[in-house]
Amino acid sequence: MIRHIFLWNVKPEAGADAGQRILDALNRIKDEPVPAVSWSLGPDAPAPGSEDSGGRWQYGLVCDYRDQEHLQEYYSSPEHAAVVDEIVPLIADRAVCDFEI
């Protein structure tokens, strides 16, 4: 199983609804064309007292794929590319980590 983690911050100038627009765009590719084994995303919800733990991200996506080939199907799909083109202009910075679990 490969766990894909995508963390990001929204550009302040992208508008108050930019965070939700990104979440909506990502949710469009949750089940099609390459369904993930699991899919969770949302805004950061820091536990009390952890707000200053450093390096916090505003939003995150965590999803699992069966194997590296399944993840590559997701990464290679035209639908994924279209969502990337849609959301990257709204994102200030981002981080991606894919690892085997």
Protein backbone atom coordinates (compact mmCIF):
# COMPACT_ATOMS: atom_id res chain seq x y z
CA MET A 1 0.00 0.00 0.00
CA ILE A 2 1.26 3.48 -0.88
CA ARG A 3 0.16 6.45 1.22
CA HIS A 4 0.04 9.76 -0.66
CA ILE A 5 0.15 12.92 1.48
CA PHE A 6 -0.37 16.35 -0.03
CA LEU A 7 -0.15 19.44 2.21
CA TRP A 8 -0.68 23.02 1.10
CA ASN A 9 -1.22 26.65 2.00
CA VAL A 10 -3.51 28.95 0.06
CA LYS A 11 -2.31 32.22 -1.44
CA PRO A 12 -3.90 35.06 0.56
CA GLU A 13 -4.68 36.92 -2.66
CA ALA A 14 -6.55 33.89 -4.08
CA GLY A 15 -9.71 34.95 -2.22
CA ALA A 16 -11.66 33.84 0.83
CA ASP A 17 -13.19 30.87 -1.00
CA ALA A 18 -9.92 29.55 -2.48
CA GLY A 19 -9.47 26.86 0.20
CA GLN A 20 -12.92 25.45 -0.45
CA ARG A 21 -12.42 25.63 -4.22
CA ILE A 22 -9.28 23.50 -3.87
CA LEU A 23 -11.08 20.96 -1.65
CA ASP A 24 -13.96 20.77 -4.13
CA ALA A 25 -11.58 20.27 -7.06
CA LEU A 26 -9.70 17.48 -5.30
CA ASN A 27 -12.92 15.76 -4.28
CA ARG A 28 -13.93 15.60 -7.95
CA ILE A 29 -11.11 13.09 -8.56
CA LYS A 30 -11.63 11.05 -5.39
CA ASP A 31 -13.49 8.23 -7.14
CA GLU A 32 -12.83 8.85 -10.83
CA PRO A 33 -10.95 8.03 -12.92
CA VAL A 34 -8.70 6.13 -10.47
CA PRO A 35 -10.47 5.43 -7.16
CA ALA A 36 -8.26 5.56 -4.09
CA VAL A 37 -8.43 2.83 -1.45
CA SER A 38 -8.99 5.60 1.13
CA TRP A 39 -9.32 9.38 0.85
CA SER A 40 -9.40 12.08 3.55
CA LEU A 41 -8.89 15.79 3.19
CA GLY A 42 -9.68 19.02 4.98
CA PRO A 43 -8.41 22.10 6.75
CA ASP A 44 -5.86 21.98 9.54
CA ALA A 45 -7.50 21.56 12.96
CA PRO A 46 -4.64 22.01 15.44
CA ALA A 47 -5.08 20.61 18.91
CA PRO A 48 -5.10 23.29 21.61
CA GLY A 49 -1.55 24.28 22.40
CA SER A 50 -0.09 22.96 19.14
CA GLU A 51 -0.70 26.03 17.00
CA ASP A 52 2.91 27.14 17.37
CA SER A 53 4.47 23.73 16.74
CA GLY A 54 6.09 25.12 13.59
CA GLY A 55 5.64 24.42 9.92
CA ARG A 56 1.88 23.94 10.02
CA TRP A 57 -0.03 23.58 6.75
CA GLN A 58 -3.51 25.00 6.19
CA TYR A 59 -4.90 21.93 4.36
CA GLY A 60 -4.07 18.30 3.81
CA LEU A 61 -5.01 15.30 1.70
CA VAL A 62 -4.14 11.74 2.73
CA CYS A 63 -5.04 8.88 0.41
CA ASP A 64 -3.94 5.31 -0.10
CA TYR A 65 -3.32 3.35 -3.29
CA ARG A 66 -2.79 -0.40 -3.63
CA ASP A 67 0.75 -0.11 -4.97
CA GLN A 68 3.08 2.16 -6.90
CA GLU A 69 1.39 1.28 -10.22
CA HIS A 70 -2.04 2.24 -8.84
CA LEU A 71 -0.62 5.59 -7.63
CA GLN A 72 0.98 6.18 -11.04
CA GLU A 73 -2.40 5.60 -12.70
CA TYR A 74 -3.78 8.41 -10.52
CA TYR A 75 -0.82 10.74 -11.16
CA SER A 76 -0.95 10.05 -14.92
CA SER A 77 -4.65 10.62 -15.48
CA PRO A 78 -5.80 13.63 -17.51
CA GLU A 79 -8.31 14.38 -14.74
CA HIS A 80 -5.49 14.69 -12.18
CA ALA A 81 -3.55 16.95 -14.54
CA ALA A 82 -6.61 19.17 -15.02
CA VAL A 83 -7.12 19.52 -11.26
CA VAL A 84 -3.45 20.33 -10.78
CA ASP A 85 -3.72 23.06 -13.42
CA GLU A 86 -6.82 24.40 -11.65
CA ILE A 87 -5.46 24.48 -8.10
CA VAL A 88 -1.76 25.35 -8.44
CA PRO A 89 -2.51 29.05 -9.14
CA LEU A 90 -4.36 29.16 -5.79
CA ILE A 91 -1.58 27.51 -3.76
CA ALA A 92 1.18 29.44 -2.01
CA ASP A 93 3.32 26.41 -1.23
CA ARG A 94 2.93 22.66 -1.05
CA ALA A 95 4.54 19.41 0.01
CA VAL A 96 4.03 15.86 -1.23
CA CYS A 97 5.16 12.61 0.35
CA ASP A 98 4.44 9.10 -0.99
CA PHE A 99 5.53 6.16 1.15
CA GLU A 100 4.87 2.47 1.52
CA ILE A 101 2.81 1.31 4.48
